[in-house]
């Protein structure tokens, strides 16, 4: 069928499917590699990294809840700041959100193939080069095939997606829990927690902070956003969205702390003698299982190395499709991305576009570690959307119907904004600068479509965006002159840099809130029944 229609997707998803989409997103390749990369950066203190990351994400998630229930639309987070600040800020937030999640699709495929490299067959050993951290040509081809599977499960409709997601997520929950229990029982070394340099934090206290931003911790927790992207298809968004978002974060922190503790205690103490926690694993938990003679766990891990990343890849193929659908409705992407298939109600042109972009990132970044840090830093920028849009709507649209009114928002919102800024600072220079420059390059696309629409009234939108542009430039400068522990010139020593970032972020937060205005798109959205 080549015919298509443009309309709102039907509301078919209940609480369980929304929750499964969130939990399925947080149990992706992050659980297979996150504990290993965090331990390399922070040693046993990486346990604290997961707690800090969870606290940061929870505060941000709470600010999202109120806005998500006001506007339960498909691809929700890419719309919110366009309602409150106009097209320039709205586009930048949408671009950052889409970019941070569409890149997850190839990284999940890479994770599966990277685990295959530890199989005991000659052909598998050549799939991944440990020294370079990159997939071989054959490995890239296998990853591309997995991406096609993610594509196919979304291509043939929401019901197929929901059925496959629920079954996959159930399996995904059981395997990491089994891994934690098996490793703790079979070979847990308490001495590992202070073995290297006789310290719980052998590489200093900047290590746990950097791990939050670059070891895949933010990347792992980011699944809390998935239910919001399906808000337009939720049966009861008032009740189900807040529950799905909060329960997803609670489940994630319990699981990941357990995995980190099991990994630290499961490493053979002798392996830490020469290089400390700077281990070289291609398949961390599988290699632990082999060392501990846990053959059943090893086989389950090899299987789950496909299931867990694939479940997340399937979910994110769907969520990014809804994002392009929303960006197209706002005039920032081709109009054809709004076209829904008449039978399956899927915006298939947007799905094809995400597949193409995923292939591009797969080719450019050929290993999990290469891409996870970039995704994490870009993801942090998207966290600014929740607190800014929630507080701005309180100011400019106090009359809006709020199915969920978050208490103490005037305190939570600036704290969430400041925490997000700190995590971006912890990402280390020059990664912070690179990610911000990539985001600013998105203005080329924005300018093209704005030119097609015309520049009438553009100055109002540009004025409302001044705070965000200045914020990006300031964060780049602070990262560059910040402490050496975070890759900077140490003009702002450790501690002082974080204090300056906190003060600057609060300043930009209130500047942003005072720049909000009742845009025509907001007026239209408030009149539209949900």
Protein backbone atom coordinates (compact mmCIF):
# COMPACT_ATOMS: atom_id res chain seq x y z
CA UNK A 1 0.00 0.00 0.00
CA UNK A 2 1.41 3.34 -0.94
CA UNK A 3 -1.44 5.51 0.24
CA UNK A 4 -1.11 7.39 3.50
CA UNK A 5 -3.05 9.74 5.74
CA UNK A 6 -2.19 12.51 8.18
CA UNK A 7 -3.97 12.33 11.52
CA UNK A 8 -3.32 11.72 15.20
CA UNK A 9 -2.28 8.17 16.07
CA UNK A 10 -4.97 6.13 17.93
CA UNK A 11 -4.80 5.77 21.74
CA UNK A 12 -4.20 2.08 22.37
CA UNK A 13 -1.41 1.84 24.96
CA UNK A 14 -2.08 1.04 28.62
CA UNK A 15 0.09 1.43 31.72
CA UNK A 16 1.84 -1.89 31.31
CA UNK A 17 3.01 -1.16 27.76
CA UNK A 18 4.15 2.37 28.74
CA UNK A 19 6.03 0.97 31.73
CA UNK A 20 7.55 -1.77 29.60
CA UNK A 21 8.71 0.81 27.07
CA UNK A 22 10.50 2.69 29.87
CA UNK A 23 11.96 -0.39 31.56
CA UNK A 24 12.88 -1.86 28.19
CA UNK A 25 14.81 1.31 27.41
CA UNK A 26 16.79 1.36 30.66
CA UNK A 27 17.77 -2.30 30.26
CA UNK A 28 19.66 -2.04 27.03
CA UNK A 29 23.36 -2.14 26.34
CA UNK A 30 23.84 0.05 29.43
CA UNK A 31 23.56 -2.97 31.72
CA UNK A 32 26.01 -4.98 29.63
CA UNK A 33 28.72 -2.29 29.60
CA UNK A 34 27.82 0.51 32.05
CA UNK A 35 29.22 -1.09 35.21
CA UNK A 36 32.49 -1.93 33.45
CA UNK A 37 33.06 1.57 32.02
CA UNK A 38 32.05 3.23 35.30
CA UNK A 39 34.52 1.05 37.23
CA UNK A 40 37.32 1.97 34.80
CA UNK A 41 36.72 5.68 35.53
CA UNK A 42 35.86 5.67 39.23
CA UNK A 43 36.67 2.23 40.67
CA UNK A 44 34.34 1.10 43.50
CA UNK A 45 33.16 4.72 43.91
CA UNK A 46 31.20 4.13 40.69
CA UNK A 47 28.41 2.87 42.98
CA UNK A 48 27.99 6.50 44.06
CA UNK A 49 27.89 7.50 40.38
CA UNK A 50 24.72 5.47 39.87
CA UNK A 51 23.10 7.09 42.92
CA UNK A 52 24.04 10.60 41.76
CA UNK A 53 22.83 9.83 38.25
CA UNK A 54 19.53 8.51 39.55
CA UNK A 55 18.94 11.51 41.82
CA UNK A 56 19.65 13.85 38.91
CA UNK A 57 17.36 12.00 36.52
CA UNK A 58 14.56 11.66 39.10
CA UNK A 59 14.46 15.42 39.77
CA UNK A 60 14.37 16.08 36.02
CA UNK A 61 11.71 13.40 35.48
CA UNK A 62 9.44 14.95 38.12
CA UNK A 63 9.46 18.26 36.25
CA UNK A 64 8.52 16.44 33.05
CA UNK A 65 5.48 14.76 34.60
CA UNK A 66 3.39 17.93 34.83
CA UNK A 67 4.04 19.01 31.23
CA UNK A 68 3.59 15.50 29.81
CA UNK A 69 0.06 15.30 31.24
CA UNK A 70 -0.87 18.79 29.99
CA UNK A 71 0.17 17.86 26.45
CA UNK A 72 -0.10 14.07 26.00
CA UNK A 73 1.06 14.11 22.39
CA UNK A 74 3.19 11.76 20.30
CA UNK A 75 6.87 12.77 20.56
CA UNK A 76 5.97 15.05 23.48
CA UNK A 77 9.38 16.29 24.70
CA UNK A 78 10.33 17.64 21.28
CA UNK A 79 7.30 19.96 21.42
CA UNK A 80 7.32 21.50 24.89
CA UNK A 81 9.75 24.41 24.49
CA UNK A 82 8.25 25.34 21.15
CA UNK A 83 4.99 25.94 23.01
CA UNK A 84 6.69 28.23 25.56
CA UNK A 85 9.58 29.91 23.70
CA UNK A 86 8.85 29.71 19.99
CA UNK A 87 10.48 28.05 17.03
CA UNK A 88 14.21 28.71 17.65
CA UNK A 89 14.33 27.26 21.17
CA UNK A 90 11.78 24.62 20.24
CA UNK A 91 13.83 23.46 17.31
CA UNK A 92 17.07 23.30 19.31
CA UNK A 93 15.41 21.23 22.05
CA UNK A 94 13.81 18.93 19.49
CA UNK A 95 17.05 18.56 17.53
CA UNK A 96 19.02 17.69 20.69
CA UNK A 97 16.38 15.22 21.87
CA UNK A 98 16.12 13.45 18.53
CA UNK A 99 19.90 13.38 18.01
CA UNK A 100 20.55 11.93 21.47
CA UNK A 101 18.06 9.10 20.96
CA UNK A 102 18.37 8.23 17.27
CA UNK A 103 22.05 7.47 17.92
CA UNK A 104 21.01 4.88 20.49
CA UNK A 105 19.71 2.64 17.71
CA UNK A 106 23.16 1.87 16.22
CA UNK A 107 24.84 1.72 19.64
CA UNK A 108 22.45 -1.04 20.74
CA UNK A 109 23.21 -3.03 17.60
CA UNK A 110 26.93 -2.52 18.21
CA UNK A 111 26.57 -3.81 21.77
CA UNK A 112 25.07 -7.09 20.59
CA UNK A 113 27.82 -7.70 18.04
CA UNK A 114 30.53 -6.69 20.51
CA UNK A 115 29.34 -9.42 22.90
CA UNK A 116 29.45 -11.91 20.04
CA UNK A 117 33.20 -11.24 19.79
CA UNK A 118 33.74 -13.25 22.99
CA UNK A 119 32.24 -16.41 21.44
CA UNK A 120 34.73 -19.25 21.11
CA UNK A 121 34.61 -19.49 17.32
CA UNK A 122 37.33 -18.07 15.07
CA UNK A 123 34.92 -16.04 12.96
CA UNK A 124 33.45 -14.33 16.06
CA UNK A 125 36.84 -13.27 17.38
CA UNK A 126 37.32 -11.00 14.38
CA UNK A 127 34.09 -9.07 14.88
CA UNK A 128 35.61 -6.59 17.36
CA UNK A 129 39.09 -5.14 17.91
CA UNK A 130 39.70 -4.63 21.65
CA UNK A 131 42.76 -2.40 21.05
CA UNK A 132 40.83 0.13 18.94
CA UNK A 133 37.41 -0.45 20.50
CA UNK A 134 35.89 -0.79 17.01
CA UNK A 135 33.83 -3.32 15.09
CA UNK A 136 35.31 -4.94 12.00
CA UNK A 137 33.63 -4.72 8.59
CA UNK A 138 31.86 -8.03 9.27
CA UNK A 139 30.81 -6.76 12.69
CA UNK A 140 29.36 -3.61 11.15
CA UNK A 141 27.41 -5.71 8.65
CA UNK A 142 25.89 -7.82 11.45
CA UNK A 143 24.99 -4.67 13.38
CA UNK A 144 23.26 -3.31 10.26
CA UNK A 145 21.18 -6.50 10.02
CA UNK A 146 20.06 -6.07 13.65
CA UNK A 147 19.00 -2.49 12.89
CA UNK A 148 16.85 -3.82 10.06
CA UNK A 149 15.13 -6.12 12.56
CA UNK A 150 14.36 -3.14 14.84
CA UNK A 151 12.99 -1.35 11.79
CA UNK A 152 10.77 -4.27 10.72
CA UNK A 153 9.13 -4.67 14.15
CA UNK A 154 8.07 -1.01 14.05
CA UNK A 155 7.23 -1.03 10.34
CA UNK A 156 4.26 -3.38 10.71
CA UNK A 157 2.31 -1.61 13.36
CA UNK A 158 1.86 -0.65 16.98
CA UNK A 159 0.24 -3.92 18.07
CA UNK A 160 3.24 -5.93 16.87
CA UNK A 161 5.54 -3.46 18.63
CA UNK A 162 3.55 -3.75 21.90
CA UNK A 163 3.44 -7.56 21.85
CA UNK A 164 7.14 -7.92 21.08
CA UNK A 165 8.13 -5.25 23.63
CA UNK A 166 6.25 -6.79 26.55
CA UNK A 167 7.70 -10.25 25.91
CA UNK A 168 11.25 -8.98 25.36
CA UNK A 169 11.22 -6.72 28.42
CA UNK A 170 10.04 -9.53 30.70
CA UNK A 171 13.05 -11.57 29.62
CA UNK A 172 15.36 -8.58 29.95
CA UNK A 173 14.36 -8.00 33.57
CA UNK A 174 15.10 -11.57 34.63
CA UNK A 175 18.60 -11.95 33.14
CA UNK A 176 20.45 -9.06 34.87
CA UNK A 177 18.79 -9.97 38.17
CA UNK A 178 19.98 -13.56 37.71
CA UNK A 179 23.46 -12.28 36.82
CA UNK A 180 23.73 -10.25 40.04
CA UNK A 181 22.67 -13.17 42.20
CA UNK A 182 24.92 -15.69 40.44
CA UNK A 183 28.08 -13.56 40.62
CA UNK A 184 27.55 -12.61 44.28
CA UNK A 185 27.06 -16.27 45.26
CA UNK A 186 29.80 -17.77 43.08
CA UNK A 187 32.72 -15.44 43.68
CA UNK A 188 32.34 -12.15 45.53
CA UNK A 189 35.54 -10.48 46.78
CA UNK A 190 34.83 -7.81 49.39
CA UNK A 191 38.49 -6.80 49.36
CA UNK A 192 38.07 -5.39 45.82
CA UNK A 193 36.26 -2.35 47.19
CA UNK A 194 39.48 -0.93 48.69
CA UNK A 195 42.16 -3.03 46.96
CA UNK A 196 43.44 -0.46 44.43
CA UNK A 197 45.44 2.30 46.17
CA UNK A 198 43.74 1.14 49.40
CA UNK A 199 40.86 3.49 48.59
CA UNK A 200 37.16 3.29 47.76
CA UNK A 201 37.73 6.16 45.28
CA UNK A 202 41.20 5.28 43.92
CA UNK A 203 41.12 7.93 41.18
CA UNK A 204 39.78 10.82 43.26
CA UNK A 205 36.26 12.13 43.74
CA UNK A 206 36.10 13.72 40.30
CA UNK A 207 35.97 10.16 38.92
CA UNK A 208 32.43 9.33 40.15
CA UNK A 209 31.16 12.63 38.75
CA UNK A 210 32.77 12.10 35.34
CA UNK A 211 31.40 8.54 35.26
CA UNK A 212 27.86 9.90 35.60
CA UNK A 213 28.26 11.81 32.35
CA UNK A 214 30.56 9.62 30.24
CA UNK A 215 30.34 5.98 31.38
CA UNK A 216 26.85 5.45 30.02
CA UNK A 217 25.04 6.14 33.32
CA UNK A 218 22.91 9.01 32.02
CA UNK A 219 22.55 7.00 28.82
CA UNK A 220 21.21 4.01 30.80
CA UNK A 221 18.72 6.06 32.84
CA UNK A 222 17.41 7.98 29.84
CA UNK A 223 14.71 5.36 29.28
CA UNK A 224 12.42 7.34 31.59
CA UNK A 225 11.58 9.54 28.58
CA UNK A 226 10.20 6.68 26.46
CA UNK A 227 6.66 6.69 27.94
CA UNK A 228 6.36 10.42 27.16
CA UNK A 229 7.08 9.86 23.48
CA UNK A 230 4.11 7.48 23.34
CA UNK A 231 1.85 9.87 25.29
CA UNK A 232 -0.23 10.55 22.19
CA UNK A 233 -1.14 6.85 22.07
CA UNK A 234 -1.78 6.37 25.82
CA UNK A 235 -5.30 5.36 26.85
CA UNK A 236 -5.18 7.22 30.18
CA UNK A 237 -2.21 9.63 30.17
CA UNK A 238 -3.30 11.43 33.36
CA UNK A 239 -2.88 8.29 35.44
CA UNK A 240 -0.45 6.17 33.47
CA UNK A 241 2.29 8.60 32.40
CA UNK A 242 3.42 9.69 35.90
CA UNK A 243 3.35 6.10 37.15
CA UNK A 244 5.32 4.80 34.16
CA UNK A 245 7.98 7.53 34.44
CA UNK A 246 8.55 7.28 38.20
CA UNK A 247 8.43 3.47 38.37
CA UNK A 248 10.95 3.28 35.52
CA UNK A 249 13.51 5.38 37.45
CA UNK A 250 13.03 3.42 40.69
CA UNK A 251 13.49 0.10 38.94
CA UNK A 252 16.58 1.38 37.11
CA UNK A 253 18.51 2.57 40.17
CA UNK A 254 17.95 -0.68 42.09
CA UNK A 255 19.04 -2.79 39.13
CA UNK A 256 22.14 -0.77 38.25
CA UNK A 257 23.47 -0.48 41.79
CA UNK A 258 23.14 -4.25 42.05
CA UNK A 259 25.02 -4.75 38.79
CA UNK A 260 27.80 -2.36 39.79
CA UNK A 261 28.29 -4.05 43.17
CA UNK A 262 28.32 -7.49 41.53
CA UNK A 263 30.86 -6.41 38.90
CA UNK A 264 33.25 -4.84 41.41
CA UNK A 265 33.08 -7.85 43.71
CA UNK A 266 33.19 -10.38 40.89
CA UNK A 267 36.53 -9.35 39.33
CA UNK A 268 39.41 -11.61 40.30
CA UNK A 269 41.63 -9.59 42.72
CA UNK A 270 44.76 -10.68 40.88
CA UNK A 271 43.50 -8.94 37.73
CA UNK A 272 43.64 -5.60 39.57
CA UNK A 273 47.30 -5.90 40.51
CA UNK A 274 48.93 -4.37 37.43
CA UNK A 275 46.51 -1.86 35.97
CA UNK A 276 43.98 -1.34 38.73
CA UNK A 277 40.47 -0.85 37.43
CA UNK A 278 41.69 0.01 33.92
CA UNK A 279 40.63 -3.43 32.69
CA UNK A 280 40.29 -4.44 29.04
CA UNK A 281 37.05 -6.40 28.60
CA UNK A 282 35.11 -6.73 25.36
CA UNK A 283 32.16 -8.56 26.98
CA UNK A 284 32.40 -7.67 30.69
CA UNK A 285 29.74 -9.79 32.39
CA UNK A 286 30.21 -12.71 30.01
CA UNK A 287 33.94 -12.74 30.78
CA UNK A 288 33.18 -12.66 34.51
CA UNK A 289 30.82 -15.60 34.07
CA UNK A 290 33.54 -17.56 32.24
CA UNK A 291 36.11 -16.80 34.97
CA UNK A 292 33.66 -17.97 37.66
CA UNK A 293 32.63 -21.11 35.70
CA UNK A 294 29.03 -19.93 35.54
CA UNK A 295 28.20 -21.73 32.29
CA UNK A 296 24.43 -21.21 32.48
CA UNK A 297 24.87 -17.50 33.10
CA UNK A 298 27.36 -17.30 30.25
CA UNK A 299 24.87 -18.84 27.80
CA UNK A 300 22.06 -16.59 29.03
CA UNK A 301 24.31 -13.55 28.66
CA UNK A 302 25.15 -14.47 25.08
CA UNK A 303 21.44 -14.71 24.37
CA UNK A 304 20.60 -11.54 26.28
CA UNK A 305 23.34 -9.65 24.46
CA UNK A 306 20.88 -9.78 21.56
CA UNK A 307 17.64 -9.44 23.52
CA UNK A 308 18.43 -6.49 25.83
CA UNK A 309 19.99 -4.13 23.27
CA UNK A 310 17.44 -5.21 20.66
CA UNK A 311 14.53 -4.41 22.98
CA UNK A 312 15.91 -0.92 23.50
CA UNK A 313 16.70 -0.56 19.80
CA UNK A 314 13.11 -1.51 18.93
CA UNK A 315 11.73 1.01 21.44
CA UNK A 316 13.98 3.84 20.29
CA UNK A 317 13.25 3.16 16.64
CA UNK A 318 9.62 3.81 17.60
CA UNK A 319 10.23 6.85 19.82
CA UNK A 320 12.45 8.62 17.30
CA UNK A 321 9.81 8.07 14.65
CA UNK A 322 7.30 9.91 16.88
CA UNK A 323 9.87 12.70 17.33
CA UNK A 324 10.21 13.28 13.59
CA UNK A 325 6.41 13.16 13.36
CA UNK A 326 6.22 15.97 15.96
CA UNK A 327 9.04 18.02 14.39
CA UNK A 328 7.32 17.74 11.03
CA UNK A 329 4.05 19.03 12.53
CA UNK A 330 5.99 22.05 13.82
CA UNK A 331 7.46 22.71 10.38
CA UNK A 332 11.07 21.75 11.17
CA UNK A 333 11.19 18.61 9.05
CA UNK A 334 9.65 17.51 5.74
CA UNK A 335 5.85 17.42 5.77
CA UNK A 336 5.82 13.82 4.57
CA UNK A 337 7.13 12.69 8.00
CA UNK A 338 3.57 13.24 9.26
CA UNK A 339 2.12 10.70 6.86
CA UNK A 340 0.58 7.71 8.68
CA UNK A 341 0.06 4.39 6.98
CA UNK A 342 -3.74 3.87 6.60
CA UNK A 343 -3.65 0.38 8.11
CA UNK A 344 -0.78 0.36 10.61
CA UNK A 345 -0.96 4.04 11.70
CA UNK A 346 2.84 4.34 11.66
CA UNK A 347 4.64 7.39 10.15
CA UNK A 348 6.67 5.19 7.82
CA UNK A 349 8.61 7.96 6.01
CA UNK A 350 9.97 9.07 9.41
CA UNK A 351 10.86 5.46 10.17
CA UNK A 352 12.87 5.18 6.94
CA UNK A 353 14.70 8.44 7.76
CA UNK A 354 15.71 7.19 11.22
CA UNK A 355 17.03 3.97 9.72
CA UNK A 356 19.20 5.95 7.28
CA UNK A 357 20.59 8.20 10.03
CA UNK A 358 21.24 5.15 12.20
CA UNK A 359 23.29 3.56 9.42
CA UNK A 360 25.35 6.77 9.14
CA UNK A 361 26.21 6.80 12.86
CA UNK A 362 26.96 3.08 12.76
CA UNK A 363 29.56 3.74 10.09
CA UNK A 364 31.09 6.80 11.82
CA UNK A 365 31.25 5.38 15.39
CA UNK A 366 32.18 1.71 15.34
CA UNK A 367 32.18 0.77 19.02
CA UNK A 368 29.91 1.08 22.07
CA UNK A 369 32.40 3.18 24.02
CA UNK A 370 32.93 5.61 21.13
CA UNK A 371 29.27 6.54 20.88
CA UNK A 372 27.99 6.18 24.47
CA UNK A 373 29.88 9.23 25.77
CA UNK A 374 28.59 11.47 22.98
CA UNK A 375 25.03 10.24 23.48
CA UNK A 376 25.24 10.86 27.24
CA UNK A 377 26.44 14.45 26.85
CA UNK A 378 23.78 15.22 24.24
CA UNK A 379 21.14 13.60 26.44
CA UNK A 380 21.97 15.89 29.35
CA UNK A 381 21.13 18.92 27.22
CA UNK A 382 17.66 17.48 26.58
CA UNK A 383 17.10 17.37 30.36
CA UNK A 384 16.86 21.16 30.34
CA UNK A 385 13.50 20.85 28.55
CA UNK A 386 11.51 19.50 31.51
CA UNK A 387 12.28 22.11 34.19
CA UNK A 388 12.28 25.04 31.76
CA UNK A 389 8.96 24.17 30.09
CA UNK A 390 7.22 23.27 33.37
CA UNK A 391 8.13 26.51 35.13
CA UNK A 392 7.50 28.62 32.03
CA UNK A 393 3.99 27.19 31.68
CA UNK A 394 3.28 28.05 35.31
CA UNK A 395 4.18 31.66 34.45
CA UNK A 396 2.52 32.16 31.06
CA UNK A 397 -0.35 29.63 31.20
CA UNK A 398 -1.59 29.40 34.79
CA UNK A 399 -5.04 28.67 33.34
CA UNK A 400 -3.94 25.47 31.61
CA UNK A 401 -5.63 22.30 32.80
CA UNK A 402 -3.07 20.31 34.82
CA UNK A 403 -4.11 16.70 35.41
CA UNK A 404 -0.99 16.38 37.58
CA UNK A 405 0.23 19.47 39.44
CA UNK A 406 3.72 18.85 40.81
CA UNK A 407 4.30 20.19 44.31
CA UNK A 408 7.32 22.42 45.04
CA UNK A 409 7.95 22.92 41.33
CA UNK A 410 9.42 26.37 42.00
CA UNK A 411 12.17 24.58 43.94
CA UNK A 412 12.48 21.40 41.86
CA UNK A 413 12.73 23.13 38.48
CA UNK A 414 15.80 25.35 39.08
CA UNK A 415 17.51 22.49 40.93
CA UNK A 416 16.86 20.15 37.99
CA UNK A 417 18.24 22.75 35.56
CA UNK A 418 21.36 23.25 37.69
CA UNK A 419 21.94 19.50 38.10
CA UNK A 420 21.68 18.98 34.34
CA UNK A 421 24.24 21.75 33.81
CA UNK A 422 26.62 20.13 36.30
CA UNK A 423 26.38 16.75 34.56
CA UNK A 424 27.16 18.45 31.25
CA UNK A 425 30.22 20.08 32.90
CA UNK A 426 31.34 16.70 34.25
CA UNK A 427 31.34 15.34 30.68
CA UNK A 428 34.85 16.84 30.38
CA UNK A 429 36.37 19.16 27.83
CA UNK A 430 36.58 18.81 24.83
CA UNK A 431 33.54 16.49 24.70
CA UNK A 432 31.29 19.23 26.05
CA UNK A 433 32.43 21.61 23.32
CA UNK A 434 32.07 19.02 20.56
CA UNK A 435 28.51 18.13 21.55
CA UNK A 436 27.40 21.76 21.79
CA UNK A 437 28.95 22.53 18.39
CA UNK A 438 27.11 19.54 16.85
CA UNK A 439 23.86 20.85 18.31
CA UNK A 440 24.51 24.38 17.02
CA UNK A 441 25.11 22.92 13.55
CA UNK A 442 21.44 21.98 13.58
CA UNK A 443 20.67 25.64 12.84
CA UNK A 444 21.49 24.91 9.19
CA UNK A 445 18.40 22.69 8.96
CA UNK A 446 16.37 25.16 10.98
CA UNK A 447 17.31 28.06 8.69
CA UNK A 448 16.34 26.06 5.59
CA UNK A 449 12.81 25.33 6.79
CA UNK A 450 12.37 28.76 8.37
CA UNK A 451 13.23 30.30 5.01
CA UNK A 452 10.53 28.18 3.38
CA UNK A 453 8.00 29.42 5.95
CA UNK A 454 9.16 33.03 5.72
CA UNK A 455 10.74 35.32 8.27
CA UNK A 456 7.64 37.25 9.31
CA UNK A 457 7.59 37.60 13.12
CA UNK A 458 10.92 35.80 13.45
CA UNK A 459 12.47 38.43 15.75
CA UNK A 460 10.06 37.50 18.56
CA UNK A 461 11.25 33.90 18.37
CA UNK A 462 14.90 34.94 18.17
CA UNK A 463 14.60 37.23 21.21
CA UNK A 464 13.10 34.38 23.23
CA UNK A 465 16.09 32.20 22.33
CA UNK A 466 18.88 34.56 23.47
CA UNK A 467 19.14 32.87 26.87
CA UNK A 468 19.71 29.43 25.32
CA UNK A 469 22.38 30.58 22.86
CA UNK A 470 24.23 32.43 25.63
CA UNK A 471 23.86 29.38 27.89
CA UNK A 472 25.53 27.11 25.31
CA UNK A 473 28.44 29.50 24.82
CA UNK A 474 28.87 29.99 28.57
CA UNK A 475 28.90 26.25 29.24
CA UNK A 476 31.56 25.79 26.56
CA UNK A 477 33.70 28.53 28.16
CA UNK A 478 33.29 27.18 31.72
CA UNK A 479 34.17 23.68 30.56
CA UNK A 480 37.27 25.00 28.76
CA UNK A 481 38.58 26.98 31.75
CA UNK A 482 37.29 24.53 34.35
CA UNK A 483 39.26 22.18 36.57
CA UNK A 484 41.86 19.79 35.19
CA UNK A 485 39.88 16.90 36.67
CA UNK A 486 37.23 17.65 34.03
CA UNK A 487 39.67 18.30 31.18
CA UNK A 488 39.87 22.09 31.52
CA UNK A 489 42.72 24.58 31.95
CA UNK A 490 42.24 24.60 35.77
CA UNK A 491 41.62 28.34 35.86
CA UNK A 492 38.57 27.33 37.91
CA UNK A 493 39.95 24.62 40.25
CA UNK A 494 37.98 21.57 41.36
CA UNK A 495 34.93 22.64 43.34
CA UNK A 496 35.07 26.28 42.25
CA UNK A 497 34.17 25.35 38.69
CA UNK A 498 31.12 23.44 39.84
CA UNK A 499 30.05 26.36 42.02
CA UNK A 500 30.30 28.78 39.09
CA UNK A 501 28.33 26.37 36.86
CA UNK A 502 25.58 26.16 39.49
CA UNK A 503 25.32 29.95 39.81
CA UNK A 504 25.40 30.48 36.05
CA UNK A 505 22.75 27.83 35.43
CA UNK A 506 20.35 29.41 37.95
CA UNK A 507 20.86 32.77 36.22
CA UNK A 508 20.09 31.28 32.79
CA UNK A 509 17.12 29.36 34.19
CA UNK A 510 15.32 32.48 35.37
CA UNK A 511 16.33 34.36 32.22
CA UNK A 512 14.77 31.53 30.22
CA UNK A 513 11.56 31.51 32.27
CA UNK A 514 11.20 35.28 31.86
CA UNK A 515 11.72 34.88 28.09
CA UNK A 516 8.70 32.56 27.74
CA UNK A 517 5.61 33.85 25.91
CA UNK A 518 2.21 32.56 24.86
CA UNK A 519 3.08 31.42 21.37
CA UNK A 520 0.36 30.81 18.76
CA UNK A 521 1.20 27.12 18.94
CA UNK A 522 0.59 27.13 22.70
CA UNK A 523 -2.75 28.86 22.27
CA UNK A 524 -3.79 26.24 19.72
CA UNK A 525 -2.57 23.34 21.91
CA UNK A 526 -4.49 24.60 24.94
CA UNK A 527 -7.71 24.73 22.91
CA UNK A 528 -7.27 21.22 21.52
CA UNK A 529 -8.97 18.45 23.54
CA UNK A 530 -6.67 15.52 24.41
